[in-house]
């Protein structure tokens, strides 16, 4: 495996997918890219995480 790409929409299921991909990437020492795309003008679209939010740890 050369690289892992996981897409998320920020939902609970999307976060589950990110966690699973992160664990797989760590276990296989494979680079991971997380992709989060929103349409232009989407209400609340921003280039940063909401206050207090963070990406979960893959431990």
C-alpha atoms as a PDB file:
ATOM      1  CA  UNK A   1       0.000   0.000   0.000  1.00  0.00           C
ATOM      2  CA  UNK A   2       1.494   3.347  -1.051  1.00  0.00           C
ATOM      3  CA  UNK A   3      -0.926   5.846   0.487  1.00  0.00           C
ATOM      4  CA  UNK A   4      -4.321   5.983   2.226  1.00  0.00           C
ATOM      5  CA  UNK A   5      -6.925   8.609   1.322  1.00  0.00           C
ATOM      6  CA  UNK A   6     -10.054   8.947   3.438  1.00  0.00           C
ATOM      7  CA  UNK A   7     -12.877  11.401   2.776  1.00  0.00           C
ATOM      8  CA  UNK A   8     -15.086  12.768   5.520  1.00  0.00           C
ATOM      9  CA  UNK A   9     -18.094  15.032   5.801  1.00  0.00           C
ATOM     10  CA  UNK A  10     -17.586  15.655   9.524  1.00  0.00           C
ATOM     11  CA  UNK A  11     -20.421  13.335  10.553  1.00  0.00           C
ATOM     12  CA  UNK A  12     -20.041  10.656  13.220  1.00  0.00           C
ATOM     13  CA  UNK A  13     -19.647   7.993  10.514  1.00  0.00           C
ATOM     14  CA  UNK A  14     -17.090  10.191   8.746  1.00  0.00           C
ATOM     15  CA  UNK A  15     -15.111  10.520  11.957  1.00  0.00           C
ATOM     16  CA  UNK A  16     -15.281   6.744  12.407  1.00  0.00           C
ATOM     17  CA  UNK A  17     -13.839   6.342   8.901  1.00  0.00           C
ATOM     18  CA  UNK A  18     -11.010   8.767   9.711  1.00  0.00           C
ATOM     19  CA  UNK A  19     -10.187   6.862  12.896  1.00  0.00           C
ATOM     20  CA  UNK A  20     -10.152   3.522  11.097  1.00  0.00           C
ATOM     21  CA  UNK A  21      -7.945   4.923   8.335  1.00  0.00           C
ATOM     22  CA  UNK A  22      -5.600   6.494  10.908  1.00  0.00           C
ATOM     23  CA  UNK A  23      -5.210   3.192  12.748  1.00  0.00           C
ATOM     24  CA  UNK A  24      -4.563   1.357   9.473  1.00  0.00           C
ATOM     25  CA  UNK A  25      -2.019   3.975   8.397  1.00  0.00           C
ATOM     26  CA  UNK A  26      -0.219   3.729  11.721  1.00  0.00           C
ATOM     27  CA  UNK A  27      -0.216  -0.080  11.699  1.00  0.00           C
ATOM     28  CA  UNK A  28       1.146  -0.238   8.155  1.00  0.00           C
ATOM     29  CA  UNK A  29       3.406   2.831   8.355  1.00  0.00           C
ATOM     30  CA  UNK A  30       1.562   4.282   5.365  1.00  0.00           C
ATOM     31  CA  UNK A  31       0.992   8.007   4.686  1.00  0.00           C
ATOM     32  CA  UNK A  32      -2.570   9.188   5.286  1.00  0.00           C
ATOM     33  CA  UNK A  33      -4.441  12.075   3.676  1.00  0.00           C
ATOM     34  CA  UNK A  34      -7.782  13.209   5.101  1.00  0.00           C
ATOM     35  CA  UNK A  35     -10.034  14.994   2.610  1.00  0.00           C
ATOM     36  CA  UNK A  36     -12.911  17.216   3.710  1.00  0.00           C
ATOM     37  CA  UNK A  37     -14.684  19.042   0.911  1.00  0.00           C
ATOM     38  CA  UNK A  38     -17.642  21.397   1.128  1.00  0.00           C
ATOM     39  CA  UNK A  39     -19.367  23.148  -1.760  1.00  0.00           C
ATOM     40  CA  UNK A  40     -18.597  26.853  -2.323  1.00  0.00           C
ATOM     41  CA  UNK A  41     -20.876  29.052  -0.247  1.00  0.00           C
ATOM     42  CA  UNK A  42     -21.855  26.189   2.059  1.00  0.00           C
ATOM     43  CA  UNK A  43     -23.257  27.679   5.276  1.00  0.00           C
ATOM     44  CA  UNK A  44     -20.565  27.540   7.921  1.00  0.00           C
ATOM     45  CA  UNK A  45     -17.786  26.599   5.502  1.00  0.00           C
ATOM     46  CA  UNK A  46     -14.454  27.708   6.877  1.00  0.00           C
ATOM     47  CA  UNK A  47     -10.768  27.002   6.445  1.00  0.00           C
ATOM     48  CA  UNK A  48     -10.268  26.067  10.089  1.00  0.00           C
ATOM     49  CA  UNK A  49     -11.690  23.791  12.754  1.00  0.00           C
ATOM     50  CA  UNK A  50     -14.416  25.105  15.050  1.00  0.00           C
ATOM     51  CA  UNK A  51     -13.299  26.460  18.431  1.00  0.00           C
ATOM     52  CA  UNK A  52     -12.379  23.591  20.728  1.00  0.00           C
ATOM     53  CA  UNK A  53     -12.407  20.975  17.944  1.00  0.00           C
ATOM     54  CA  UNK A  54      -9.433  18.795  17.155  1.00  0.00           C
ATOM     55  CA  UNK A  55      -8.592  15.733  15.127  1.00  0.00           C
ATOM     56  CA  UNK A  56      -8.769  12.543  17.217  1.00  0.00           C
ATOM     57  CA  UNK A  57      -5.625  10.631  18.080  1.00  0.00           C
ATOM     58  CA  UNK A  58      -5.063   7.316  16.329  1.00  0.00           C
ATOM     59  CA  UNK A  59      -3.958   5.486  19.459  1.00  0.00           C
END
